[in-house]
Amino acid sequence: MGVREGSEPPTLLLLEHPHVFTMGKAAMPDHVLWDEAERRRRDVDVIWSDRGGEATYHGPGQLVGYPILDLARAGITIPGYIALLERSLIEYLAELGIESEPGEPGLTGVWSEGMKVAAIGIKLNRSVVSHGFALNLTTDLEYFAGIIPCGHADRQATSVEALTGRRIETRDAAREYARHFSSVFGVELTWAAPSARRRSVAARAR
């Protein structure tokens, strides 16, 4: 991989997915609660992923971030990386007037009022990390009823809109969140042209 070899710069992808349930390495088939007919009606796919974690939902109104960086080169441990990712999200949410915190032991992500507002799941290839977070902005929270999110049937998801009543566009959130990522990770971001196909915004960290 170019990032590990140093021929490509670390990259932060910020984007929005169509409706999809993604299943991590620890996910089980029975973590999907909707049958095929209901998933077809809701226009949601199921994708098995090589990231860590269990089942989660991605969809419109959600900011998804995929940092791709070499932790060894950056001098960051895996727990340290997760803590930095959580901090960058917590600081962005604070800017929106939302108090949030990391999950209790055994619970990943960022939580507010006892509900998960951002999920975190990573993939590690040698020392290069990919995958990252999903922050619920104006997400249709009903879709979380179609899975057992991260294996916790008793835990609810929330969103920025549910917590504040504000509707924030994903593209606008990407620009604002990137400032916090830059500050927390101590990197300078140079924005690349967005992909029309995936409606994504890519930022390369140098």
N, C-alpha and C. Protein backbone atom coordinates (compact mmCIF):
# COMPACT_ATOMS: atom_id res chain seq x y z
N MET A 1 0.84 -1.19 0.00
CA MET A 1 0.00 0.00 0.00
C MET A 1 0.87 1.23 0.00
N GLY A 2 0.48 2.24 -0.81
CA GLY A 2 1.28 3.44 -0.95
C GLY A 2 1.47 4.21 0.33
N VAL A 3 0.45 4.22 1.19
CA VAL A 3 0.55 4.95 2.46
C VAL A 3 1.63 4.32 3.33
N ARG A 4 1.66 2.99 3.41
CA ARG A 4 2.67 2.31 4.23
C ARG A 4 4.08 2.52 3.66
N GLU A 5 4.19 2.53 2.35
CA GLU A 5 5.49 2.71 1.71
C GLU A 5 5.93 4.16 1.71
N GLY A 6 5.00 5.08 1.99
CA GLY A 6 5.34 6.49 1.99
C GLY A 6 5.21 7.16 0.64
N SER A 7 4.76 6.40 -0.39
CA SER A 7 4.61 6.99 -1.73
C SER A 7 3.29 7.74 -1.88
N GLU A 8 2.35 7.49 -0.98
CA GLU A 8 1.07 8.21 -0.99
C GLU A 8 0.88 8.87 0.37
N PRO A 9 0.28 10.06 0.39
CA PRO A 9 0.08 10.73 1.68
C PRO A 9 -1.06 10.10 2.46
N PRO A 10 -1.06 10.25 3.78
CA PRO A 10 -2.23 9.84 4.54
C PRO A 10 -3.47 10.55 3.99
N THR A 11 -4.60 9.87 4.01
CA THR A 11 -5.80 10.40 3.36
C THR A 11 -7.00 10.29 4.30
N LEU A 12 -7.83 11.31 4.29
CA LEU A 12 -9.09 11.28 5.02
C LEU A 12 -10.22 11.38 4.01
N LEU A 13 -11.02 10.33 3.89
CA LEU A 13 -12.20 10.33 3.02
C LEU A 13 -13.42 10.68 3.86
N LEU A 14 -14.17 11.67 3.45
CA LEU A 14 -15.41 12.05 4.11
C LEU A 14 -16.53 11.94 3.10
N LEU A 15 -17.55 11.14 3.40
CA LEU A 15 -18.56 10.84 2.39
C LEU A 15 -19.88 10.45 3.02
N GLU A 16 -20.84 10.18 2.14
CA GLU A 16 -22.18 9.77 2.54
C GLU A 16 -22.56 8.53 1.73
N HIS A 17 -23.03 7.48 2.41
CA HIS A 17 -23.40 6.24 1.74
C HIS A 17 -24.90 6.20 1.42
N PRO A 18 -25.31 5.38 0.46
CA PRO A 18 -26.73 5.01 0.34
C PRO A 18 -27.07 4.06 1.50
N HIS A 19 -28.33 3.69 1.62
CA HIS A 19 -28.74 2.79 2.71
C HIS A 19 -27.98 1.47 2.62
N VAL A 20 -27.31 1.09 3.73
CA VAL A 20 -26.58 -0.18 3.75
C VAL A 20 -26.35 -0.61 5.19
N PHE A 21 -26.51 -1.91 5.44
CA PHE A 21 -26.09 -2.50 6.70
C PHE A 21 -24.71 -3.11 6.46
N THR A 22 -23.71 -2.69 7.21
CA THR A 22 -22.39 -3.29 7.07
C THR A 22 -22.11 -4.19 8.26
N MET A 23 -21.57 -5.35 7.96
CA MET A 23 -21.36 -6.39 8.97
C MET A 23 -19.86 -6.60 9.15
N GLY A 24 -19.36 -6.30 10.35
CA GLY A 24 -17.95 -6.47 10.64
C GLY A 24 -17.59 -7.91 10.96
N LYS A 25 -16.33 -8.12 11.32
CA LYS A 25 -15.83 -9.48 11.55
C LYS A 25 -16.54 -10.19 12.69
N ALA A 26 -17.05 -9.44 13.66
CA ALA A 26 -17.71 -10.06 14.81
C ALA A 26 -19.23 -10.16 14.62
N ALA A 27 -19.74 -9.75 13.46
CA ALA A 27 -21.19 -9.77 13.23
C ALA A 27 -21.67 -11.19 12.94
N MET A 28 -22.94 -11.42 13.26
CA MET A 28 -23.59 -12.70 12.99
C MET A 28 -24.80 -12.46 12.09
N PRO A 29 -25.19 -13.45 11.27
CA PRO A 29 -26.35 -13.25 10.39
C PRO A 29 -27.61 -12.82 11.13
N ASP A 30 -27.79 -13.31 12.37
CA ASP A 30 -29.01 -12.95 13.09
C ASP A 30 -28.96 -11.54 13.68
N HIS A 31 -27.87 -10.81 13.44
CA HIS A 31 -27.83 -9.39 13.82
C HIS A 31 -28.63 -8.54 12.84
N VAL A 32 -28.99 -9.10 11.68
CA VAL A 32 -29.90 -8.44 10.74
C VAL A 32 -31.32 -8.90 11.07
N LEU A 33 -32.18 -7.97 11.44
CA LEU A 33 -33.52 -8.28 11.92
C LEU A 33 -34.58 -8.22 10.82
N TRP A 34 -34.35 -7.43 9.79
CA TRP A 34 -35.32 -7.32 8.70
C TRP A 34 -35.09 -8.45 7.71
N ASP A 35 -36.17 -9.05 7.23
CA ASP A 35 -36.03 -10.09 6.22
C ASP A 35 -35.76 -9.46 4.86
N GLU A 36 -35.53 -10.31 3.88
CA GLU A 36 -35.15 -9.81 2.55
C GLU A 36 -36.23 -8.92 1.95
N ALA A 37 -37.50 -9.26 2.15
CA ALA A 37 -38.60 -8.47 1.59
C ALA A 37 -38.61 -7.06 2.19
N GLU A 38 -38.40 -6.97 3.50
CA GLU A 38 -38.40 -5.66 4.16
C GLU A 38 -37.18 -4.84 3.73
N ARG A 39 -36.04 -5.50 3.60
CA ARG A 39 -34.85 -4.79 3.15
C ARG A 39 -35.03 -4.27 1.73
N ARG A 40 -35.69 -5.07 0.90
CA ARG A 40 -35.95 -4.62 -0.47
C ARG A 40 -36.90 -3.42 -0.47
N ARG A 41 -37.92 -3.47 0.39
CA ARG A 41 -38.87 -2.36 0.48
C ARG A 41 -38.19 -1.09 0.96
N ARG A 42 -37.23 -1.25 1.84
CA ARG A 42 -36.51 -0.10 2.41
C ARG A 42 -35.30 0.29 1.57
N ASP A 43 -35.01 -0.49 0.52
CA ASP A 43 -33.88 -0.20 -0.37
C ASP A 43 -32.55 -0.20 0.38
N VAL A 44 -32.34 -1.23 1.20
CA VAL A 44 -31.11 -1.32 1.98
C VAL A 44 -30.41 -2.64 1.68
N ASP A 45 -29.12 -2.57 1.41
CA ASP A 45 -28.30 -3.75 1.14
C ASP A 45 -27.60 -4.21 2.42
N VAL A 46 -27.12 -5.45 2.40
CA VAL A 46 -26.29 -5.99 3.47
C VAL A 46 -24.91 -6.28 2.87
N ILE A 47 -23.88 -5.70 3.46
CA ILE A 47 -22.51 -5.88 2.98
C ILE A 47 -21.65 -6.40 4.11
N TRP A 48 -20.98 -7.54 3.86
CA TRP A 48 -20.05 -8.09 4.85
C TRP A 48 -18.69 -7.44 4.65
N SER A 49 -18.13 -6.90 5.73
CA SER A 49 -16.92 -6.10 5.66
C SER A 49 -15.80 -6.76 6.46
N ASP A 50 -14.55 -6.38 6.15
CA ASP A 50 -13.41 -6.90 6.89
C ASP A 50 -12.97 -5.95 8.00
N ARG A 51 -13.82 -4.97 8.34
CA ARG A 51 -13.49 -4.10 9.48
C ARG A 51 -13.78 -4.85 10.77
N GLY A 52 -13.33 -4.28 11.88
CA GLY A 52 -13.67 -4.82 13.18
C GLY A 52 -15.10 -4.46 13.55
N GLY A 53 -15.60 -5.10 14.61
CA GLY A 53 -16.93 -4.76 15.10
C GLY A 53 -18.02 -5.64 14.53
N GLU A 54 -19.25 -5.23 14.78
CA GLU A 54 -20.41 -6.05 14.42
C GLU A 54 -21.25 -5.34 13.36
N ALA A 55 -22.56 -5.24 13.57
CA ALA A 55 -23.44 -4.66 12.55
C ALA A 55 -23.64 -3.17 12.79
N THR A 56 -23.65 -2.41 11.71
CA THR A 56 -24.00 -1.00 11.81
C THR A 56 -24.72 -0.58 10.54
N TYR A 57 -25.27 0.60 10.59
CA TYR A 57 -26.03 1.14 9.46
C TYR A 57 -25.35 2.38 8.92
N HIS A 58 -25.29 2.50 7.60
CA HIS A 58 -24.86 3.73 6.94
C HIS A 58 -25.97 4.16 5.99
N GLY A 59 -26.12 5.48 5.82
CA GLY A 59 -27.15 5.95 4.91
C GLY A 59 -27.16 7.45 4.75
N PRO A 60 -28.09 7.97 3.99
CA PRO A 60 -28.20 9.41 3.78
C PRO A 60 -28.34 10.15 5.11
N GLY A 61 -27.75 11.33 5.17
CA GLY A 61 -27.81 12.12 6.39
C GLY A 61 -26.79 11.72 7.43
N GLN A 62 -25.79 10.95 7.01
CA GLN A 62 -24.75 10.48 7.93
C GLN A 62 -23.38 10.81 7.34
N LEU A 63 -22.53 11.42 8.14
CA LEU A 63 -21.16 11.71 7.72
C LEU A 63 -20.28 10.52 8.07
N VAL A 64 -19.70 9.89 7.06
CA VAL A 64 -18.82 8.74 7.26
C VAL A 64 -17.40 9.16 6.95
N GLY A 65 -16.49 8.81 7.86
CA GLY A 65 -15.09 9.19 7.68
C GLY A 65 -14.19 7.97 7.66
N TYR A 66 -13.31 7.92 6.65
CA TYR A 66 -12.33 6.84 6.52
C TYR A 66 -10.92 7.44 6.53
N PRO A 67 -10.30 7.58 7.70
CA PRO A 67 -8.88 7.97 7.69
C PRO A 67 -8.04 6.79 7.24
N ILE A 68 -7.09 7.03 6.37
CA ILE A 68 -6.17 5.99 5.91
C ILE A 68 -4.76 6.48 6.23
N LEU A 69 -4.18 5.93 7.28
CA LEU A 69 -2.87 6.41 7.71
C LEU A 69 -2.07 5.31 8.38
N ASP A 70 -0.77 5.49 8.37
CA ASP A 70 0.15 4.52 8.94
C ASP A 70 0.40 4.91 10.40
N LEU A 71 -0.15 4.11 11.32
CA LEU A 71 -0.02 4.44 12.74
C LEU A 71 1.43 4.39 13.20
N ALA A 72 2.20 3.46 12.65
CA ALA A 72 3.61 3.35 13.05
C ALA A 72 4.38 4.60 12.66
N ARG A 73 4.16 5.09 11.44
CA ARG A 73 4.82 6.31 10.99
C ARG A 73 4.40 7.52 11.82
N ALA A 74 3.12 7.51 12.22
CA ALA A 74 2.58 8.64 12.99
C ALA A 74 2.90 8.54 14.47
N GLY A 75 3.41 7.37 14.90
CA GLY A 75 3.71 7.18 16.31
C GLY A 75 2.48 7.11 17.18
N ILE A 76 1.41 6.49 16.66
CA ILE A 76 0.13 6.42 17.39
C ILE A 76 -0.22 4.94 17.61
N THR A 77 -0.62 4.60 18.83
CA THR A 77 -1.10 3.26 19.12
C THR A 77 -2.56 3.13 18.68
N ILE A 78 -3.06 1.90 18.61
CA ILE A 78 -4.47 1.70 18.25
C ILE A 78 -5.40 2.35 19.28
N PRO A 79 -5.20 2.12 20.59
CA PRO A 79 -6.06 2.82 21.56
C PRO A 79 -5.94 4.34 21.45
N GLY A 80 -4.71 4.81 21.19
CA GLY A 80 -4.51 6.25 21.04
C GLY A 80 -5.23 6.79 19.82
N TYR A 81 -5.22 6.02 18.73
CA TYR A 81 -5.92 6.44 17.51
C TYR A 81 -7.42 6.55 17.76
N ILE A 82 -8.00 5.53 18.41
CA ILE A 82 -9.44 5.56 18.69
C ILE A 82 -9.77 6.76 19.58
N ALA A 83 -8.93 7.01 20.58
CA ALA A 83 -9.16 8.14 21.48
C ALA A 83 -9.11 9.47 20.73
N LEU A 84 -8.18 9.61 19.79
CA LEU A 84 -8.09 10.84 19.00
C LEU A 84 -9.32 11.01 18.11
N LEU A 85 -9.76 9.89 17.51
CA LEU A 85 -10.94 9.94 16.66
C LEU A 85 -12.17 10.36 17.47
N GLU A 86 -12.30 9.77 18.66
CA GLU A 86 -13.42 10.14 19.54
C GLU A 86 -13.33 11.62 19.90
N ARG A 87 -12.14 12.09 20.24
CA ARG A 87 -11.98 13.49 20.64
C ARG A 87 -12.34 14.44 19.53
N SER A 88 -11.95 14.11 18.29
CA SER A 88 -12.26 15.00 17.16
C SER A 88 -13.77 15.11 16.98
N LEU A 89 -14.50 14.00 17.16
CA LEU A 89 -15.95 14.01 17.03
C LEU A 89 -16.60 14.76 18.20
N ILE A 90 -16.10 14.53 19.40
CA ILE A 90 -16.65 15.20 20.58
C ILE A 90 -16.47 16.71 20.47
N GLU A 91 -15.32 17.15 19.97
CA GLU A 91 -15.09 18.59 19.81
C GLU A 91 -16.00 19.18 18.74
N TYR A 92 -16.22 18.46 17.66
CA TYR A 92 -17.15 18.96 16.63
C TYR A 92 -18.56 19.05 17.18
N LEU A 93 -18.99 18.02 17.90
CA LEU A 93 -20.34 18.04 18.48
C LEU A 93 -20.48 19.17 19.50
N ALA A 94 -19.44 19.44 20.26
CA ALA A 94 -19.48 20.55 21.22
C ALA A 94 -19.71 21.87 20.50
N GLU A 95 -19.12 22.01 19.31
CA GLU A 95 -19.32 23.21 18.51
C GLU A 95 -20.79 23.37 18.12
N LEU A 96 -21.49 22.25 18.02
CA LEU A 96 -22.92 22.26 17.69
C LEU A 96 -23.80 22.37 18.94
N GLY A 97 -23.17 22.48 20.10
CA GLY A 97 -23.92 22.60 21.35
C GLY A 97 -24.34 21.28 21.94
N ILE A 98 -23.68 20.19 21.54
CA ILE A 98 -24.03 18.85 22.01
C ILE A 98 -22.95 18.34 22.95
N GLU A 99 -23.33 17.98 24.17
CA GLU A 99 -22.40 17.33 25.09
C GLU A 99 -22.35 15.84 24.76
N SER A 100 -21.15 15.32 24.62
CA SER A 100 -20.99 13.90 24.29
C SER A 100 -19.75 13.37 24.95
N GLU A 101 -19.59 12.06 24.89
CA GLU A 101 -18.47 11.41 25.56
C GLU A 101 -18.20 10.07 24.90
N PRO A 102 -16.99 9.51 25.14
CA PRO A 102 -16.73 8.15 24.65
C PRO A 102 -17.63 7.16 25.36
N GLY A 103 -17.79 5.98 24.75
CA GLY A 103 -18.60 4.95 25.36
C GLY A 103 -17.99 4.39 26.63
N GLU A 104 -18.82 3.81 27.46
CA GLU A 104 -18.33 3.13 28.65
C GLU A 104 -17.48 1.92 28.22
N PRO A 105 -16.73 1.34 29.14
CA PRO A 105 -15.95 0.15 28.78
C PRO A 105 -16.82 -0.90 28.09
N GLY A 106 -16.36 -1.37 26.95
CA GLY A 106 -17.11 -2.35 26.18
C GLY A 106 -18.03 -1.73 25.15
N LEU A 107 -18.17 -0.40 25.16
CA LEU A 107 -19.01 0.30 24.20
C LEU A 107 -18.16 1.26 23.40
N THR A 108 -18.10 1.05 22.10
CA THR A 108 -17.32 1.93 21.24
C THR A 108 -18.16 3.13 20.80
N GLY A 109 -17.52 4.08 20.18
CA GLY A 109 -18.25 5.22 19.60
C GLY A 109 -18.35 6.40 20.54
N VAL A 110 -19.17 7.37 20.10
CA VAL A 110 -19.41 8.60 20.87
C VAL A 110 -20.88 8.64 21.23
N TRP A 111 -21.16 8.97 22.47
CA TRP A 111 -22.50 8.88 23.03
C TRP A 111 -22.97 10.23 23.57
N SER A 112 -24.27 10.45 23.51
CA SER A 112 -24.88 11.66 24.08
C SER A 112 -26.23 11.28 24.68
N GLU A 113 -26.45 11.67 25.90
CA GLU A 113 -27.70 11.36 26.61
C GLU A 113 -27.99 9.86 26.61
N GLY A 114 -26.93 9.06 26.72
CA GLY A 114 -27.08 7.62 26.80
C GLY A 114 -27.34 6.93 25.48
N MET A 115 -27.27 7.67 24.37
CA MET A 115 -27.51 7.11 23.04
C MET A 115 -26.30 7.35 22.15
N LYS A 116 -26.08 6.43 21.20
CA LYS A 116 -24.90 6.54 20.32
C LYS A 116 -25.19 7.51 19.17
N VAL A 117 -24.36 8.53 19.07
CA VAL A 117 -24.50 9.50 17.98
C VAL A 117 -23.46 9.26 16.89
N ALA A 118 -22.37 8.56 17.23
CA ALA A 118 -21.34 8.25 16.24
C ALA A 118 -20.76 6.87 16.52
N ALA A 119 -20.69 6.04 15.49
CA ALA A 119 -20.09 4.71 15.59
C ALA A 119 -18.65 4.76 15.13
N ILE A 120 -17.82 3.91 15.70
CA ILE A 120 -16.41 3.81 15.30
C ILE A 120 -16.06 2.35 15.06
N GLY A 121 -15.43 2.07 13.93
CA GLY A 121 -14.96 0.72 13.61
C GLY A 121 -13.74 0.84 12.72
N ILE A 122 -12.70 0.08 12.98
CA ILE A 122 -11.48 0.23 12.22
C ILE A 122 -11.04 -1.10 11.61
N LYS A 123 -10.21 -0.99 10.58
CA LYS A 123 -9.53 -2.13 10.00
C LYS A 123 -8.04 -1.81 10.02
N LEU A 124 -7.24 -2.78 10.42
CA LEU A 124 -5.80 -2.59 10.48
C LEU A 124 -5.11 -3.58 9.56
N ASN A 125 -4.35 -3.06 8.60
CA ASN A 125 -3.55 -3.88 7.69
C ASN A 125 -2.10 -3.59 7.99
N ARG A 126 -1.47 -4.51 8.74
CA ARG A 126 -0.17 -4.24 9.33
C ARG A 126 -0.30 -2.98 10.18
N SER A 127 0.34 -1.89 9.82
CA SER A 127 0.22 -0.69 10.65
C SER A 127 -0.68 0.37 10.03
N VAL A 128 -1.27 0.06 8.88
CA VAL A 128 -2.12 1.05 8.20
C VAL A 128 -3.57 0.85 8.60
N VAL A 129 -4.16 1.90 9.14
CA VAL A 129 -5.54 1.85 9.58
C VAL A 129 -6.44 2.41 8.49
N SER A 130 -7.64 1.82 8.37
CA SER A 130 -8.66 2.36 7.46
C SER A 130 -10.01 2.14 8.14
N HIS A 131 -11.08 2.51 7.46
CA HIS A 131 -12.39 2.61 8.08
C HIS A 131 -12.28 3.68 9.17
N GLY A 132 -13.34 3.93 9.90
CA GLY A 132 -13.25 5.00 10.87
C GLY A 132 -14.54 5.23 11.64
N PHE A 133 -15.35 6.22 11.21
CA PHE A 133 -16.52 6.59 12.00
C PHE A 133 -17.72 6.88 11.12
N ALA A 134 -18.89 6.87 11.76
CA ALA A 134 -20.15 7.28 11.11
C ALA A 134 -20.90 8.16 12.09
N LEU A 135 -21.08 9.43 11.74
CA LEU A 135 -21.74 10.41 12.60
C LEU A 135 -23.14 10.67 12.07
N ASN A 136 -24.14 10.43 12.91
CA ASN A 136 -25.53 10.63 12.51
C ASN A 136 -25.89 12.12 12.56
N LEU A 137 -26.21 12.67 11.41
CA LEU A 137 -26.60 14.08 11.31
C LEU A 137 -28.12 14.18 11.23
N THR A 138 -28.66 13.85 10.06
CA THR A 138 -30.12 13.85 9.86
C THR A 138 -30.58 12.44 9.50
N THR A 139 -29.86 11.46 9.96
CA THR A 139 -30.11 10.06 9.65
C THR A 139 -31.53 9.64 10.00
N ASP A 140 -32.15 8.82 9.15
CA ASP A 140 -33.43 8.21 9.46
C ASP A 140 -33.16 7.08 10.47
N LEU A 141 -33.43 7.35 11.73
CA LEU A 141 -33.06 6.43 12.80
C LEU A 141 -33.86 5.14 12.78
N GLU A 142 -34.96 5.11 12.02
CA GLU A 142 -35.76 3.88 11.93
C GLU A 142 -34.95 2.73 11.35
N TYR A 143 -33.93 3.05 10.53
CA TYR A 143 -33.14 1.99 9.91
C TYR A 143 -32.35 1.18 10.93
N PHE A 144 -32.05 1.78 12.08
CA PHE A 144 -31.32 1.04 13.10
C PHE A 144 -32.17 -0.08 13.69
N ALA A 145 -33.49 -0.02 13.49
CA ALA A 145 -34.36 -1.10 13.96
C ALA A 145 -34.19 -2.36 13.12
N GLY A 146 -33.52 -2.25 11.98
CA GLY A 146 -33.32 -3.41 11.12
C GLY A 146 -32.14 -4.27 11.49
N ILE A 147 -31.36 -3.85 12.51
CA ILE A 147 -30.18 -4.61 12.94
C ILE A 147 -30.09 -4.56 14.46
N ILE A 148 -29.20 -5.37 14.99
CA ILE A 148 -28.77 -5.21 16.38
C ILE A 148 -27.47 -4.41 16.31
N PRO A 149 -27.54 -3.10 16.54
CA PRO A 149 -26.36 -2.25 16.30
C PRO A 149 -25.20 -2.61 17.22
N CYS A 150 -24.08 -2.97 16.62
CA CYS A 150 -22.85 -3.29 17.36
C CYS A 150 -23.09 -4.35 18.43
N GLY A 151 -24.11 -5.21 18.21
CA GLY A 151 -24.37 -6.30 19.13
C GLY A 151 -25.11 -5.92 20.39
N HIS A 152 -25.57 -4.66 20.49
CA HIS A 152 -26.24 -4.18 21.71
C HIS A 152 -27.70 -3.87 21.40
N ALA A 153 -28.58 -4.86 21.63
CA ALA A 153 -30.00 -4.69 21.32
C ALA A 153 -30.67 -3.65 22.21
N ASP A 154 -30.10 -3.41 23.39
CA ASP A 154 -30.73 -2.50 24.36
C ASP A 154 -30.25 -1.06 24.23
N ARG A 155 -29.40 -0.78 23.24
CA ARG A 155 -28.85 0.57 23.08
C ARG A 155 -29.47 1.25 21.88
N GLN A 156 -29.80 2.53 22.03
CA GLN A 156 -30.43 3.29 20.95
C GLN A 156 -29.44 4.22 20.27
N ALA A 157 -29.73 4.50 19.01
CA ALA A 157 -28.97 5.50 18.27
C ALA A 157 -29.70 6.83 18.31
N THR A 158 -28.94 7.91 18.17
CA THR A 158 -29.53 9.24 18.07
C THR A 158 -28.80 9.99 16.97
N SER A 159 -29.17 11.24 16.76
CA SER A 159 -28.57 12.05 15.69
C SER A 159 -28.48 13.50 16.13
N VAL A 160 -27.71 14.27 15.39
CA VAL A 160 -27.62 15.70 15.66
C VAL A 160 -29.01 16.34 15.56
N GLU A 161 -29.77 15.95 14.56
CA GLU A 161 -31.11 16.50 14.40
C GLU A 161 -32.01 16.15 15.59
N ALA A 162 -31.95 14.90 16.04
CA ALA A 162 -32.78 14.48 17.17
C ALA A 162 -32.40 15.21 18.45
N LEU A 163 -31.12 15.50 18.61
CA LEU A 163 -30.63 16.13 19.83
C LEU A 163 -30.84 17.64 19.85
N THR A 164 -30.81 18.26 18.67
CA THR A 164 -30.84 19.73 18.63
C THR A 164 -31.96 20.31 17.78
N GLY A 165 -32.56 19.50 16.91
CA GLY A 165 -33.55 20.01 15.98
C GLY A 165 -32.95 20.64 14.74
N ARG A 166 -31.62 20.67 14.64
CA ARG A 166 -30.93 21.29 13.50
C ARG A 166 -30.71 20.27 12.40
N ARG A 167 -30.92 20.69 11.16
CA ARG A 167 -30.63 19.86 10.00
C ARG A 167 -29.35 20.39 9.35
N ILE A 168 -28.31 19.58 9.42
CA ILE A 168 -27.00 19.96 8.88
C ILE A 168 -26.69 19.07 7.69
N GLU A 169 -26.39 19.69 6.57
CA GLU A 169 -26.05 18.94 5.36
C GLU A 169 -24.71 18.22 5.55
N THR A 170 -24.61 17.03 4.97
CA THR A 170 -23.41 16.23 5.12
C THR A 170 -22.17 16.95 4.59
N ARG A 171 -22.31 17.61 3.46
CA ARG A 171 -21.16 18.32 2.88
C ARG A 171 -20.69 19.43 3.82
N ASP A 172 -21.63 20.16 4.41
CA ASP A 172 -21.25 21.23 5.35
C ASP A 172 -20.59 20.65 6.59
N ALA A 173 -21.12 19.54 7.09
CA ALA A 173 -20.54 18.89 8.26
C ALA A 173 -19.12 18.42 7.98
N ALA A 174 -18.88 17.91 6.77
CA ALA A 174 -17.55 17.44 6.40
C ALA A 174 -16.53 18.56 6.51
N ARG A 175 -16.88 19.72 5.99
CA ARG A 175 -15.96 20.86 6.04
C ARG A 175 -15.67 21.28 7.48
N GLU A 176 -16.71 21.33 8.30
CA GLU A 176 -16.54 21.78 9.67
C GLU A 176 -15.82 20.73 10.52
N TYR A 177 -16.20 19.47 10.33
CA TYR A 177 -15.53 18.41 11.11
C TYR A 177 -14.05 18.34 10.77
N ALA A 178 -13.70 18.52 9.51
CA ALA A 178 -12.30 18.39 9.08
C ALA A 178 -11.38 19.30 9.88
N ARG A 179 -11.85 20.46 10.29
CA ARG A 179 -11.03 21.37 11.09
C ARG A 179 -10.65 20.71 12.42
N HIS A 180 -11.59 20.00 13.01
CA HIS A 180 -11.33 19.34 14.29
C HIS A 180 -10.40 18.14 14.11
N PHE A 181 -10.58 17.39 13.03
CA PHE A 181 -9.67 16.29 12.74
C PHE A 181 -8.25 16.83 12.59
N SER A 182 -8.11 17.91 11.84
CA SER A 182 -6.80 18.52 11.61
C SER A 182 -6.15 18.94 12.91
N SER A 183 -6.92 19.58 13.78
CA SER A 183 -6.39 20.07 15.05
C SER A 183 -6.01 18.93 15.98
N VAL A 184 -6.88 17.95 16.12
CA VAL A 184 -6.64 16.85 17.07
C VAL A 184 -5.49 15.97 16.61
N PHE A 185 -5.41 15.67 15.31
CA PHE A 185 -4.35 14.80 14.80
C PHE A 185 -3.08 15.56 14.44
N GLY A 186 -3.13 16.89 14.49
CA GLY A 186 -1.95 17.69 14.20
C GLY A 186 -1.49 17.60 12.77
N VAL A 187 -2.44 17.61 11.83
CA VAL A 187 -2.12 17.53 10.40
C VAL A 187 -2.74 18.70 9.67
N GLU A 188 -2.17 19.01 8.52
CA GLU A 188 -2.74 20.01 7.63
C GLU A 188 -3.49 19.31 6.51
N LEU A 189 -4.72 19.72 6.24
CA LEU A 189 -5.54 19.08 5.23
C LEU A 189 -5.55 19.89 3.95
N THR A 190 -5.36 19.21 2.84
CA THR A 190 -5.49 19.81 1.51
C THR A 190 -6.66 19.13 0.81
N TRP A 191 -7.69 19.90 0.46
CA TRP A 191 -8.91 19.30 -0.10
C TRP A 191 -8.72 18.93 -1.57
N ALA A 192 -9.21 17.74 -1.90
CA ALA A 192 -9.21 17.27 -3.29
C ALA A 192 -10.62 17.41 -3.85
N ALA A 193 -10.75 17.28 -5.16
CA ALA A 193 -12.05 17.39 -5.81
C ALA A 193 -12.95 16.24 -5.37
N PRO A 194 -14.23 16.51 -5.09
CA PRO A 194 -15.14 15.45 -4.69
C PRO A 194 -15.45 14.51 -5.84
N SER A 195 -15.79 13.28 -5.51
CA SER A 195 -16.18 12.30 -6.51
C SER A 195 -17.67 12.44 -6.79
N ALA A 196 -18.02 12.70 -8.02
CA ALA A 196 -19.44 12.82 -8.37
C ALA A 196 -20.16 11.49 -8.22
N ARG A 197 -19.45 10.39 -8.45
CA ARG A 197 -20.09 9.09 -8.41
C ARG A 197 -20.56 8.74 -7.01
N ARG A 198 -19.73 9.04 -5.99
CA ARG A 198 -20.08 8.65 -4.63
C ARG A 198 -20.48 9.86 -3.79
N ARG A 199 -20.53 11.03 -4.40
CA ARG A 199 -20.85 12.26 -3.68
C ARG A 199 -19.96 12.41 -2.44
N SER A 200 -18.69 12.08 -2.63
CA SER A 200 -17.77 12.11 -1.50
C SER A 200 -16.88 13.33 -1.55
N VAL A 201 -16.32 13.64 -0.42
CA VAL A 201 -15.33 14.70 -0.31
C VAL A 201 -14.07 14.06 0.23
N ALA A 202 -12.96 14.26 -0.45
CA ALA A 202 -11.70 13.65 -0.01
C ALA A 202 -10.74 14.73 0.45
N ALA A 203 -10.08 14.49 1.54
CA ALA A 203 -9.08 15.43 2.03
C ALA A 203 -7.78 14.65 2.22
N ARG A 204 -6.72 15.16 1.66
CA ARG A 204 -5.43 14.50 1.82
C ARG A 204 -4.63 15.26 2.88
N ALA A 205 -4.14 14.54 3.86
CA ALA A 205 -3.37 15.14 4.94
C ALA A 205 -1.89 15.10 4.57
N ARG A 206 -1.27 16.21 4.74
CA ARG A 206 0.17 16.23 4.41
C ARG A 206 0.96 16.74 5.60
